[in-house]
Amino acid sequence: MITARAVVDDRSCLVYLDVSGHAGYGEKGYDIVCSAVTVLSRTAGRILISRFNKNCTFESGERGSFKLNVLKIDEGKREWTEGITEFLLNGLSDLEREYPACIKLEIISNEEMIHGS
């Protein structure tokens, strides 16, 4: 199963994303669920990195693993970042709804992550 954990700030902007695992829906290299998650996550990550440069880190270790950390969002880029976040999380949520045995999406607020609520 793929586990996707997204952390959003108080304005619903993505500040952290951790995706790991394999869907197990199809044969390795031909799994449509893995492919969809990869395309959504990596594309959103690449767009954020291109916009935020050093204020964003990306880590893709082993196959099936992806981490993104947005360190700072400039005020003038918030609305744009909200749109990227909405696109990504709606796509992952749709996949979770359509393939519940393959992907688990957890969306938490930055406040919950800091205080453990």
PDB file of N, CA and C in Angstrom:
ATOM      1  N   MET A   1       0.834  -1.182   0.000  1.00  0.00           N
ATOM      2  CA  MET A   1       0.000   0.000   0.000  1.00  0.00           C
ATOM      3  C   MET A   1       0.879   1.245   0.000  1.00  0.00           C
ATOM      4  N   ILE A   2       0.428   2.253  -0.725  1.00  0.00           N
ATOM      5  CA  ILE A   2       1.101   3.549  -0.723  1.00  0.00           C
ATOM      6  C   ILE A   2       0.546   4.363   0.436  1.00  0.00           C
ATOM      7  N   THR A   3       1.433   4.987   1.171  1.00  0.00           N
ATOM      8  CA  THR A   3       1.039   5.904   2.233  1.00  0.00           C
ATOM      9  C   THR A   3       1.509   7.294   1.834  1.00  0.00           C
ATOM     10  N   ALA A   4       0.575   8.235   1.796  1.00  0.00           N
ATOM     11  CA  ALA A   4       0.905   9.625   1.484  1.00  0.00           C
ATOM     12  C   ALA A   4       0.501  10.476   2.682  1.00  0.00           C
ATOM     13  N   ARG A   5       1.467  11.189   3.222  1.00  0.00           N
ATOM     14  CA  ARG A   5       1.208  12.058   4.371  1.00  0.00           C
ATOM     15  C   ARG A   5       1.518  13.487   3.951  1.00  0.00           C
ATOM     16  N   ALA A   6       0.490  14.327   3.985  1.00  0.00           N
ATOM     17  CA  ALA A   6       0.641  15.723   3.587  1.00  0.00           C
ATOM     18  C   ALA A   6       0.388  16.615   4.793  1.00  0.00           C
ATOM     19  N   VAL A   7       1.233  17.611   4.948  1.00  0.00           N
ATOM     20  CA  VAL A   7       1.057  18.604   6.007  1.00  0.00           C
ATOM     21  C   VAL A   7       0.804  19.943   5.324  1.00  0.00           C
ATOM     22  N   VAL A   8      -0.272  20.606   5.747  1.00  0.00           N
ATOM     23  CA  VAL A   8      -0.625  21.913   5.197  1.00  0.00           C
ATOM     24  C   VAL A   8      -0.595  22.960   6.303  1.00  0.00           C
ATOM     25  N   ASP A   9      -0.311  24.200   5.907  1.00  0.00           N
ATOM     26  CA  ASP A   9      -0.292  25.275   6.894  1.00  0.00           C
ATOM     27  C   ASP A   9      -1.696  25.826   7.107  1.00  0.00           C
ATOM     28  N   ASP A  10      -1.812  26.887   7.880  1.00  0.00           N
ATOM     29  CA  ASP A  10      -3.123  27.439   8.225  1.00  0.00           C
ATOM     30  C   ASP A  10      -3.854  28.055   7.036  1.00  0.00           C
ATOM     31  N   ARG A  11      -3.181  28.215   5.902  1.00  0.00           N
ATOM     32  CA  ARG A  11      -3.821  28.734   4.697  1.00  0.00           C
ATOM     33  C   ARG A  11      -3.952  27.656   3.626  1.00  0.00           C
ATOM     34  N   SER A  12      -3.855  26.391   4.048  1.00  0.00           N
ATOM     35  CA  SER A  12      -4.025  25.233   3.164  1.00  0.00           C
ATOM     36  C   SER A  12      -2.951  25.114   2.090  1.00  0.00           C
ATOM     37  N   CYS A  13      -1.758  25.596   2.389  1.00  0.00           N
ATOM     38  CA  CYS A  13      -0.619  25.434   1.484  1.00  0.00           C
ATOM     39  C   CYS A  13       0.218  24.250   1.945  1.00  0.00           C
ATOM     40  N   LEU A  14       0.639  23.439   1.011  1.00  0.00           N
ATOM     41  CA  LEU A  14       1.470  22.280   1.314  1.00  0.00           C
ATOM     42  C   LEU A  14       2.816  22.727   1.871  1.00  0.00           C
ATOM     43  N   VAL A  15       3.194  22.164   3.020  1.00  0.00           N
ATOM     44  CA  VAL A  15       4.515  22.447   3.586  1.00  0.00           C
ATOM     45  C   VAL A  15       5.363  21.181   3.681  1.00  0.00           C
ATOM     46  N   TYR A  16       4.727  20.006   3.596  1.00  0.00           N
ATOM     47  CA  TYR A  16       5.469  18.754   3.685  1.00  0.00           C
ATOM     48  C   TYR A  16       4.670  17.649   3.011  1.00  0.00           C
ATOM     49  N   LEU A  17       5.367  16.777   2.305  1.00  0.00           N
ATOM     50  CA  LEU A  17       4.738  15.614   1.685  1.00  0.00           C
ATOM     51  C   LEU A  17       5.698  14.442   1.780  1.00  0.00           C
ATOM     52  N   ASP A  18       5.191  13.322   2.261  1.00  0.00           N
ATOM     53  CA  ASP A  18       5.973  12.085   2.350  1.00  0.00           C
ATOM     54  C   ASP A  18       5.137  10.980   1.713  1.00  0.00           C
ATOM     55  N   VAL A  19       5.629  10.426   0.635  1.00  0.00           N
ATOM     56  CA  VAL A  19       4.936   9.350  -0.074  1.00  0.00           C
ATOM     57  C   VAL A  19       5.859   8.141  -0.094  1.00  0.00           C
ATOM     58  N   SER A  20       5.327   6.988   0.318  1.00  0.00           N
ATOM     59  CA  SER A  20       6.156   5.781   0.298  1.00  0.00           C
ATOM     60  C   SER A  20       5.289   4.547   0.094  1.00  0.00           C
ATOM     61  N   GLY A  21       5.928   3.502  -0.388  1.00  0.00           N
ATOM     62  CA  GLY A  21       5.249   2.228  -0.576  1.00  0.00           C
ATOM     63  C   GLY A  21       4.898   1.963  -2.028  1.00  0.00           C
ATOM     64  N   HIS A  22       4.254   0.842  -2.231  1.00  0.00           N
ATOM     65  CA  HIS A  22       3.822   0.420  -3.562  1.00  0.00           C
ATOM     66  C   HIS A  22       2.357   0.010  -3.488  1.00  0.00           C
ATOM     67  N   ALA A  23       1.613   0.338  -4.521  1.00  0.00           N
ATOM     68  CA  ALA A  23       0.172   0.095  -4.527  1.00  0.00           C
ATOM     69  C   ALA A  23      -0.176  -1.387  -4.565  1.00  0.00           C
ATOM     70  N   GLY A  24       0.585  -2.163  -5.299  1.00  0.00           N
ATOM     71  CA  GLY A  24       0.275  -3.579  -5.426  1.00  0.00           C
ATOM     72  C   GLY A  24      -0.939  -3.846  -6.296  1.00  0.00           C
ATOM     73  N   TYR A  25      -1.326  -2.878  -7.114  1.00  0.00           N
ATOM     74  CA  TYR A  25      -2.494  -3.041  -7.967  1.00  0.00           C
ATOM     75  C   TYR A  25      -2.159  -3.830  -9.226  1.00  0.00           C
ATOM     76  N   GLY A  26      -0.973  -3.620  -9.742  1.00  0.00           N
ATOM     77  CA  GLY A  26      -0.569  -4.287 -10.977  1.00  0.00           C
ATOM     78  C   GLY A  26       0.874  -4.723 -10.909  1.00  0.00           C
ATOM     79  N   GLU A  27       1.327  -5.313 -11.974  1.00  0.00           N
ATOM     80  CA  GLU A  27       2.701  -5.789 -12.083  1.00  0.00           C
ATOM     81  C   GLU A  27       3.676  -4.613 -11.960  1.00  0.00           C
ATOM     82  N   LYS A  28       4.804  -4.856 -11.299  1.00  0.00           N
ATOM     83  CA  LYS A  28       5.818  -3.822 -11.115  1.00  0.00           C
ATOM     84  C   LYS A  28       6.189  -3.211 -12.469  1.00  0.00           C
ATOM     85  N   GLY A  29       6.165  -1.895 -12.509  1.00  0.00           N
ATOM     86  CA  GLY A  29       6.449  -1.191 -13.751  1.00  0.00           C
ATOM     87  C   GLY A  29       5.214  -0.926 -14.598  1.00  0.00           C
ATOM     88  N   TYR A  30       4.094  -1.566 -14.235  1.00  0.00           N
ATOM     89  CA  TYR A  30       2.851  -1.410 -14.987  1.00  0.00           C
ATOM     90  C   TYR A  30       1.667  -1.109 -14.076  1.00  0.00           C
ATOM     91  N   ASP A  31       1.936  -0.662 -12.879  1.00  0.00           N
ATOM     92  CA  ASP A  31       0.897  -0.412 -11.882  1.00  0.00           C
ATOM     93  C   ASP A  31       0.329   0.994 -12.085  1.00  0.00           C
ATOM     94  N   ILE A  32      -0.934   1.078 -12.505  1.00  0.00           N
ATOM     95  CA  ILE A  32      -1.521   2.383 -12.819  1.00  0.00           C
ATOM     96  C   ILE A  32      -1.688   3.263 -11.586  1.00  0.00           C
ATOM     97  N   VAL A  33      -1.913   2.668 -10.426  1.00  0.00           N
ATOM     98  CA  VAL A  33      -2.067   3.463  -9.206  1.00  0.00           C
ATOM     99  C   VAL A  33      -0.719   4.069  -8.817  1.00  0.00           C
ATOM    100  N   CYS A  34       0.332   3.262  -8.821  1.00  0.00           N
ATOM    101  CA  CYS A  34       1.684   3.783  -8.539  1.00  0.00           C
ATOM    102  C   CYS A  34       2.043   4.885  -9.534  1.00  0.00           C
ATOM    103  N   SER A  35       1.731   4.654 -10.790  1.00  0.00           N
ATOM    104  CA  SER A  35       2.044   5.646 -11.822  1.00  0.00           C
ATOM    105  C   SER A  35       1.320   6.960 -11.567  1.00  0.00           C
ATOM    106  N   ALA A  36       0.052   6.872 -11.230  1.00  0.00           N
ATOM    107  CA  ALA A  36      -0.735   8.083 -10.985  1.00  0.00           C
ATOM    108  C   ALA A  36      -0.204   8.861  -9.782  1.00  0.00           C
ATOM    109  N   VAL A  37       0.097   8.158  -8.702  1.00  0.00           N
ATOM    110  CA  VAL A  37       0.637   8.812  -7.504  1.00  0.00           C
ATOM    111  C   VAL A  37       1.987   9.452  -7.821  1.00  0.00           C
ATOM    112  N   THR A  38       2.815   8.745  -8.558  1.00  0.00           N
ATOM    113  CA  THR A  38       4.132   9.268  -8.926  1.00  0.00           C
ATOM    114  C   THR A  38       4.009  10.529  -9.766  1.00  0.00           C
ATOM    115  N   VAL A  39       3.159  10.502 -10.766  1.00  0.00           N
ATOM    116  CA  VAL A  39       2.988  11.668 -11.637  1.00  0.00           C
ATOM    117  C   VAL A  39       2.486  12.870 -10.841  1.00  0.00           C
ATOM    118  N   LEU A  40       1.471  12.678 -10.023  1.00  0.00           N
ATOM    119  CA  LEU A  40       0.941  13.785  -9.224  1.00  0.00           C
ATOM    120  C   LEU A  40       2.000  14.346  -8.282  1.00  0.00           C
ATOM    121  N   SER A  41       2.641  13.475  -7.520  1.00  0.00           N
ATOM    122  CA  SER A  41       3.589  13.902  -6.488  1.00  0.00           C
ATOM    123  C   SER A  41       4.841  14.536  -7.073  1.00  0.00           C
ATOM    124  N   ARG A  42       5.433  13.874  -8.035  1.00  0.00           N
ATOM    125  CA  ARG A  42       6.681  14.402  -8.604  1.00  0.00           C
ATOM    126  C   ARG A  42       6.455  15.686  -9.396  1.00  0.00           C
ATOM    127  N   THR A  43       5.352  15.767 -10.114  1.00  0.00           N
ATOM    128  CA  THR A  43       5.085  16.984 -10.876  1.00  0.00           C
ATOM    129  C   THR A  43       4.834  18.158  -9.938  1.00  0.00           C
ATOM    130  N   ALA A  44       4.013  17.955  -8.920  1.00  0.00           N
ATOM    131  CA  ALA A  44       3.786  19.024  -7.937  1.00  0.00           C
ATOM    132  C   ALA A  44       5.107  19.404  -7.275  1.00  0.00           C
ATOM    133  N   GLY A  45       5.900  18.417  -6.924  1.00  0.00           N
ATOM    134  CA  GLY A  45       7.200  18.679  -6.308  1.00  0.00           C
ATOM    135  C   GLY A  45       8.123  19.475  -7.209  1.00  0.00           C
ATOM    136  N   ARG A  46       8.211  19.082  -8.460  1.00  0.00           N
ATOM    137  CA  ARG A  46       9.091  19.795  -9.404  1.00  0.00           C
ATOM    138  C   ARG A  46       8.636  21.230  -9.611  1.00  0.00           C
ATOM    139  N   ILE A  47       7.325  21.437  -9.680  1.00  0.00           N
ATOM    140  CA  ILE A  47       6.801  22.795  -9.854  1.00  0.00           C
ATOM    141  C   ILE A  47       7.128  23.643  -8.625  1.00  0.00           C
ATOM    142  N   LEU A  48       6.919  23.092  -7.436  1.00  0.00           N
ATOM    143  CA  LEU A  48       7.225  23.836  -6.210  1.00  0.00           C
ATOM    144  C   LEU A  48       8.717  24.143  -6.111  1.00  0.00           C
ATOM    145  N   ILE A  49       9.547  23.180  -6.437  1.00  0.00           N
ATOM    146  CA  ILE A  49      10.997  23.398  -6.387  1.00  0.00           C
ATOM    147  C   ILE A  49      11.410  24.479  -7.387  1.00  0.00           C
ATOM    148  N   SER A  50      10.840  24.460  -8.573  1.00  0.00           N
ATOM    149  CA  SER A  50      11.208  25.469  -9.572  1.00  0.00           C
ATOM    150  C   SER A  50      10.798  26.871  -9.122  1.00  0.00           C
ATOM    151  N   ARG A  51       9.735  26.970  -8.360  1.00  0.00           N
ATOM    152  CA  ARG A  51       9.257  28.275  -7.903  1.00  0.00           C
ATOM    153  C   ARG A  51       9.965  28.739  -6.635  1.00  0.00           C
ATOM    154  N   PHE A  52      10.297  27.793  -5.742  1.00  0.00           N
ATOM    155  CA  PHE A  52      10.839  28.167  -4.432  1.00  0.00           C
ATOM    156  C   PHE A  52      12.339  27.942  -4.280  1.00  0.00           C
ATOM    157  N   ASN A  53      12.970  27.279  -5.233  1.00  0.00           N
ATOM    158  CA  ASN A  53      14.419  27.038  -5.218  1.00  0.00           C
ATOM    159  C   ASN A  53      14.919  26.559  -3.868  1.00  0.00           C
ATOM    160  N   LYS A  54      15.739  27.358  -3.203  1.00  0.00           N
ATOM    161  CA  LYS A  54      16.370  26.922  -1.955  1.00  0.00           C
ATOM    162  C   LYS A  54      15.404  26.853  -0.773  1.00  0.00           C
ATOM    163  N   ASN A  55      14.188  27.361  -0.925  1.00  0.00           N
ATOM    164  CA  ASN A  55      13.196  27.285   0.147  1.00  0.00           C
ATOM    165  C   ASN A  55      12.359  26.012   0.068  1.00  0.00           C
ATOM    166  N   CYS A  56      12.818  25.057  -0.717  1.00  0.00           N
ATOM    167  CA  CYS A  56      12.094  23.804  -0.900  1.00  0.00           C
ATOM    168  C   CYS A  56      13.114  22.680  -1.087  1.00  0.00           C
ATOM    169  N   THR A  57      12.910  21.583  -0.379  1.00  0.00           N
ATOM    170  CA  THR A  57      13.811  20.444  -0.545  1.00  0.00           C
ATOM    171  C   THR A  57      13.024  19.241  -1.048  1.00  0.00           C
ATOM    172  N   PHE A  58      13.696  18.431  -1.816  1.00  0.00           N
ATOM    173  CA  PHE A  58      13.098  17.248  -2.430  1.00  0.00           C
ATOM    174  C   PHE A  58      14.052  16.081  -2.222  1.00  0.00           C
ATOM    175  N   GLU A  59      13.501  14.959  -1.826  1.00  0.00           N
ATOM    176  CA  GLU A  59      14.317  13.758  -1.623  1.00  0.00           C
ATOM    177  C   GLU A  59      13.586  12.568  -2.224  1.00  0.00           C
ATOM    178  N   SER A  60      14.262  11.868  -3.088  1.00  0.00           N
ATOM    179  CA  SER A  60      13.696  10.661  -3.673  1.00  0.00           C
ATOM    180  C   SER A  60      14.751   9.576  -3.573  1.00  0.00           C
ATOM    181  N   GLY A  61      14.735   8.876  -2.466  1.00  0.00           N
ATOM    182  CA  GLY A  61      15.728   7.833  -2.232  1.00  0.00           C
ATOM    183  C   GLY A  61      15.439   6.613  -3.072  1.00  0.00           C
ATOM    184  N   GLU A  62      14.964   5.589  -2.434  1.00  0.00           N
ATOM    185  CA  GLU A  62      14.664   4.344  -3.137  1.00  0.00           C
ATOM    186  C   GLU A  62      13.390   4.485  -3.948  1.00  0.00           C
ATOM    187  N   ARG A  63      13.218   3.605  -4.892  1.00  0.00           N
ATOM    188  CA  ARG A  63      12.019   3.617  -5.727  1.00  0.00           C
ATOM    189  C   ARG A  63      10.787   3.460  -4.838  1.00  0.00           C
ATOM    190  N   GLY A  64       9.794   4.295  -5.065  1.00  0.00           N
ATOM    191  CA  GLY A  64       8.584   4.251  -4.257  1.00  0.00           C
ATOM    192  C   GLY A  64       8.659   5.148  -3.037  1.00  0.00           C
ATOM    193  N   SER A  65       9.631   6.059  -3.006  1.00  0.00           N
ATOM    194  CA  SER A  65       9.808   6.948  -1.865  1.00  0.00           C
ATOM    195  C   SER A  65      10.021   8.375  -2.359  1.00  0.00           C
ATOM    196  N   PHE A  66       9.345   9.322  -1.706  1.00  0.00           N
ATOM    197  CA  PHE A  66       9.390  10.715  -2.142  1.00  0.00           C
ATOM    198  C   PHE A  66       9.115  11.604  -0.939  1.00  0.00           C
ATOM    199  N   LYS A  67       9.965  12.601  -0.708  1.00  0.00           N
ATOM    200  CA  LYS A  67       9.728  13.568   0.371  1.00  0.00           C
ATOM    201  C   LYS A  67       9.946  14.970  -0.169  1.00  0.00           C
ATOM    202  N   LEU A  68       9.051  15.855   0.218  1.00  0.00           N
ATOM    203  CA  LEU A  68       9.112  17.250  -0.184  1.00  0.00           C
ATOM    204  C   LEU A  68       8.894  18.101   1.051  1.00  0.00           C
ATOM    205  N   ASN A  69       9.712  19.123   1.209  1.00  0.00           N
ATOM    206  CA  ASN A  69       9.587  20.010   2.354  1.00  0.00           C
ATOM    207  C   ASN A  69       9.665  21.447   1.851  1.00  0.00           C
ATOM    208  N   VAL A  70       8.592  22.209   2.038  1.00  0.00           N
ATOM    209  CA  VAL A  70       8.569  23.615   1.656  1.00  0.00           C
ATOM    210  C   VAL A  70       8.916  24.412   2.907  1.00  0.00           C
ATOM    211  N   LEU A  71      10.080  25.032   2.897  1.00  0.00           N
ATOM    212  CA  LEU A  71      10.602  25.699   4.081  1.00  0.00           C
ATOM    213  C   LEU A  71      10.002  27.080   4.304  1.00  0.00           C
ATOM    214  N   LYS A  72       9.700  27.774   3.213  1.00  0.00           N
ATOM    215  CA  LYS A  72       9.167  29.134   3.326  1.00  0.00           C
ATOM    216  C   LYS A  72       8.325  29.442   2.099  1.00  0.00           C
ATOM    217  N   ILE A  73       7.147  30.026   2.340  1.00  0.00           N
ATOM    218  CA  ILE A  73       6.274  30.441   1.243  1.00  0.00           C
ATOM    219  C   ILE A  73       6.151  31.957   1.300  1.00  0.00           C
ATOM    220  N   ASP A  74       6.642  32.624   0.275  1.00  0.00           N
ATOM    221  CA  ASP A  74       6.517  34.077   0.214  1.00  0.00           C
ATOM    222  C   ASP A  74       5.045  34.451   0.083  1.00  0.00           C
ATOM    223  N   GLU A  75       4.665  35.550   0.714  1.00  0.00           N
ATOM    224  CA  GLU A  75       3.262  35.984   0.713  1.00  0.00           C
ATOM    225  C   GLU A  75       2.709  36.122  -0.707  1.00  0.00           C
ATOM    226  N   GLY A  76       3.504  36.621  -1.624  1.00  0.00           N
ATOM    227  CA  GLY A  76       3.051  36.807  -2.997  1.00  0.00           C
ATOM    228  C   GLY A  76       2.839  35.506  -3.763  1.00  0.00           C
ATOM    229  N   LYS A  77       3.294  34.384  -3.211  1.00  0.00           N
ATOM    230  CA  LYS A  77       3.163  33.087  -3.885  1.00  0.00           C
ATOM    231  C   LYS A  77       2.156  32.169  -3.197  1.00  0.00           C
ATOM    232  N   ARG A  78       1.464  32.682  -2.195  1.00  0.00           N
ATOM    233  CA  ARG A  78       0.543  31.846  -1.423  1.00  0.00           C
ATOM    234  C   ARG A  78      -0.637  31.344  -2.246  1.00  0.00           C
ATOM    235  N   GLU A  79      -1.285  32.231  -2.962  1.00  0.00           N
ATOM    236  CA  GLU A  79      -2.460  31.819  -3.741  1.00  0.00           C
ATOM    237  C   GLU A  79      -2.068  30.765  -4.775  1.00  0.00           C
ATOM    238  N   TRP A  80      -0.941  30.973  -5.426  1.00  0.00           N
ATOM    239  CA  TRP A  80      -0.434  30.007  -6.402  1.00  0.00           C
ATOM    240  C   TRP A  80      -0.173  28.662  -5.726  1.00  0.00           C
ATOM    241  N   THR A  81       0.452  28.702  -4.534  1.00  0.00           N
ATOM    242  CA  THR A  81       0.771  27.476  -3.798  1.00  0.00           C
ATOM    243  C   THR A  81      -0.499  26.759  -3.351  1.00  0.00           C
ATOM    244  N   GLU A  82      -1.518  27.522  -2.978  1.00  0.00           N
ATOM    245  CA  GLU A  82      -2.811  26.918  -2.625  1.00  0.00           C
ATOM    246  C   GLU A  82      -3.366  26.128  -3.807  1.00  0.00           C
ATOM    247  N   GLY A  83      -3.237  26.668  -5.007  1.00  0.00           N
ATOM    248  CA  GLY A  83      -3.727  25.982  -6.204  1.00  0.00           C
ATOM    249  C   GLY A  83      -2.985  24.682  -6.475  1.00  0.00           C
ATOM    250  N   ILE A  84      -1.658  24.708  -6.351  1.00  0.00           N
ATOM    251  CA  ILE A  84      -0.863  23.491  -6.539  1.00  0.00           C
ATOM    252  C   ILE A  84      -1.246  22.459  -5.481  1.00  0.00           C
ATOM    253  N   THR A  85      -1.414  22.917  -4.245  1.00  0.00           N
ATOM    254  CA  THR A  85      -1.785  22.019  -3.143  1.00  0.00           C
ATOM    255  C   THR A  85      -3.143  21.385  -3.399  1.00  0.00           C
ATOM    256  N   GLU A  86      -4.112  22.200  -3.800  1.00  0.00           N
ATOM    257  CA  GLU A  86      -5.457  21.687  -4.068  1.00  0.00           C
ATOM    258  C   GLU A  86      -5.434  20.659  -5.201  1.00  0.00           C
ATOM    259  N   PHE A  87      -4.707  20.948  -6.263  1.00  0.00           N
ATOM    260  CA  PHE A  87      -4.573  20.021  -7.385  1.00  0.00           C
ATOM    261  C   PHE A  87      -4.008  18.679  -6.917  1.00  0.00           C
ATOM    262  N   LEU A  88      -2.898  18.729  -6.183  1.00  0.00           N
ATOM    263  CA  LEU A  88      -2.232  17.515  -5.705  1.00  0.00           C
ATOM    264  C   LEU A  88      -3.127  16.714  -4.766  1.00  0.00           C
ATOM    265  N   LEU A  89      -3.671  17.369  -3.745  1.00  0.00           N
ATOM    266  CA  LEU A  89      -4.445  16.642  -2.734  1.00  0.00           C
ATOM    267  C   LEU A  89      -5.772  16.127  -3.273  1.00  0.00           C
ATOM    268  N   ASN A  90      -6.399  16.863  -4.187  1.00  0.00           N
ATOM    269  CA  ASN A  90      -7.620  16.343  -4.817  1.00  0.00           C
ATOM    270  C   ASN A  90      -7.313  15.110  -5.653  1.00  0.00           C
ATOM    271  N   GLY A  91      -6.207  15.136  -6.384  1.00  0.00           N
ATOM    272  CA  GLY A  91      -5.816  13.976  -7.184  1.00  0.00           C
ATOM    273  C   GLY A  91      -5.534  12.758  -6.325  1.00  0.00           C
ATOM    274  N   LEU A  92      -4.759  12.946  -5.247  1.00  0.00           N
ATOM    275  CA  LEU A  92      -4.452  11.826  -4.345  1.00  0.00           C
ATOM    276  C   LEU A  92      -5.711  11.329  -3.639  1.00  0.00           C
ATOM    277  N   SER A  93      -6.585  12.250  -3.256  1.00  0.00           N
ATOM    278  CA  SER A  93      -7.841  11.871  -2.599  1.00  0.00           C
ATOM    279  C   SER A  93      -8.735  11.056  -3.537  1.00  0.00           C
ATOM    280  N   ASP A  94      -8.796  11.461  -4.792  1.00  0.00           N
ATOM    281  CA  ASP A  94      -9.576  10.699  -5.778  1.00  0.00           C
ATOM    282  C   ASP A  94      -9.028   9.281  -5.921  1.00  0.00           C
ATOM    283  N   LEU A  95      -7.708   9.155  -5.968  1.00  0.00           N
ATOM    284  CA  LEU A  95      -7.100   7.822  -6.066  1.00  0.00           C
ATOM    285  C   LEU A  95      -7.414   6.985  -4.833  1.00  0.00           C
ATOM    286  N   GLU A  96      -7.370   7.595  -3.660  1.00  0.00           N
ATOM    287  CA  GLU A  96      -7.686   6.866  -2.428  1.00  0.00           C
ATOM    288  C   GLU A  96      -9.135   6.372  -2.452  1.00  0.00           C
ATOM    289  N   ARG A  97     -10.031   7.209  -2.952  1.00  0.00           N
ATOM    290  CA  ARG A  97     -11.450   6.834  -3.021  1.00  0.00           C
ATOM    291  C   ARG A  97     -11.670   5.705  -4.039  1.00  0.00           C
ATOM    292  N   GLU A  98     -10.974   5.773  -5.162  1.00  0.00           N
ATOM    293  CA  GLU A  98     -11.155   4.775  -6.214  1.00  0.00           C
ATOM    294  C   GLU A  98     -10.390   3.475  -5.964  1.00  0.00           C
ATOM    295  N   TYR A  99      -9.280   3.562  -5.239  1.00  0.00           N
ATOM    296  CA  TYR A  99      -8.427   2.390  -4.973  1.00  0.00           C
ATOM    297  C   TYR A  99      -8.069   2.328  -3.486  1.00  0.00           C
ATOM    298  N   PRO A 100      -9.070   2.146  -2.618  1.00  0.00           N
ATOM    299  CA  PRO A 100      -8.828   2.216  -1.168  1.00  0.00           C
ATOM    300  C   PRO A 100      -7.869   1.157  -0.628  1.00  0.00           C
ATOM    301  N   ALA A 101      -7.700   0.062  -1.323  1.00  0.00           N
ATOM    302  CA  ALA A 101      -6.760  -0.969  -0.866  1.00  0.00           C
ATOM    303  C   ALA A 101      -5.327  -0.659  -1.295  1.00  0.00           C
ATOM    304  N   CYS A 102      -5.163   0.399  -2.098  1.00  0.00           N
ATOM    305  CA  CYS A 102      -3.848   0.686  -2.682  1.00  0.00           C
ATOM    306  C   CYS A 102      -3.173   1.940  -2.142  1.00  0.00           C
ATOM    307  N   ILE A 103      -3.957   2.894  -1.666  1.00  0.00           N
ATOM    308  CA  ILE A 103      -3.379   4.157  -1.203  1.00  0.00           C
ATOM    309  C   ILE A 103      -4.129   4.683   0.012  1.00  0.00           C
ATOM    310  N   LYS A 104      -3.364   5.183   0.963  1.00  0.00           N
ATOM    311  CA  LYS A 104      -3.910   5.823   2.162  1.00  0.00           C
ATOM    312  C   LYS A 104      -3.344   7.236   2.206  1.00  0.00           C
ATOM    313  N   LEU A 105      -4.228   8.231   2.213  1.00  0.00           N
ATOM    314  CA  LEU A 105      -3.833   9.633   2.264  1.00  0.00           C
ATOM    315  C   LEU A 105      -4.177  10.202   3.626  1.00  0.00           C
ATOM    316  N   GLU A 106      -3.204  10.816   4.250  1.00  0.00           N
ATOM    317  CA  GLU A 106      -3.410  11.497   5.528  1.00  0.00           C
ATOM    318  C   GLU A 106      -3.039  12.964   5.327  1.00  0.00           C
ATOM    319  N   ILE A 107      -3.989  13.843   5.618  1.00  0.00           N
ATOM    320  CA  ILE A 107      -3.740  15.280   5.521  1.00  0.00           C
ATOM    321  C   ILE A 107      -3.865  15.857   6.921  1.00  0.00           C
ATOM    322  N   ILE A 108      -2.801  16.472   7.390  1.00  0.00           N
ATOM    323  CA  ILE A 108      -2.829  17.064   8.726  1.00  0.00           C
ATOM    324  C   ILE A 108      -2.358  18.512   8.644  1.00  0.00           C
ATOM    325  N   SER A 109      -2.772  19.280   9.632  1.00  0.00           N
ATOM    326  CA  SER A 109      -2.349  20.676   9.671  1.00  0.00           C
ATOM    327  C   SER A 109      -0.967  20.777  10.297  1.00  0.00           C
ATOM    328  N   ASN A 110      -0.271  21.817   9.935  1.00  0.00           N
ATOM    329  CA  ASN A 110       1.044  22.084  10.505  1.00  0.00           C
ATOM    330  C   ASN A 110       0.936  22.185  12.027  1.00  0.00           C
ATOM    331  N   GLU A 111      -0.148  22.768  12.496  1.00  0.00           N
ATOM    332  CA  GLU A 111      -0.399  22.916  13.935  1.00  0.00           C
ATOM    333  C   GLU A 111      -0.492  21.547  14.610  1.00  0.00           C
ATOM    334  N   GLU A 112      -1.211  20.610  13.998  1.00  0.00           N
ATOM    335  CA  GLU A 112      -1.319  19.256  14.553  1.00  0.00           C
ATOM    336  C   GLU A 112       0.038  18.570  14.599  1.00  0.00           C
ATOM    337  N   MET A 113       0.843  18.785  13.568  1.00  0.00           N
ATOM    338  CA  MET A 113       2.155  18.151  13.518  1.00  0.00           C
ATOM    339  C   MET A 113       3.072  18.708  14.616  1.00  0.00           C
ATOM    340  N   ILE A 114       3.014  20.009  14.825  1.00  0.00           N
ATOM    341  CA  ILE A 114       3.866  20.653  15.829  1.00  0.00           C
ATOM    342  C   ILE A 114       3.450  20.262  17.239  1.00  0.00           C
ATOM    343  N   HIS A 115       2.144  20.277  17.497  1.00  0.00           N
ATOM    344  CA  HIS A 115       1.643  20.029  18.847  1.00  0.00           C
ATOM    345  C   HIS A 115       1.167  18.606  19.087  1.00  0.00           C
ATOM    346  N   GLY A 116       1.154  17.790  18.052  1.00  0.00           N
ATOM    347  CA  GLY A 116       0.757  16.396  18.209  1.00  0.00           C
ATOM    348  C   GLY A 116      -0.703  16.201  18.550  1.00  0.00           C
ATOM    349  N   SER A 117      -1.554  17.144  18.184  1.00  0.00           N
ATOM    350  CA  SER A 117      -2.990  17.050  18.496  1.00  0.00           C
ATOM    351  C   SER A 117      -3.671  16.044  17.617  1.00  0.00           C
TER     352      SER A 117
END
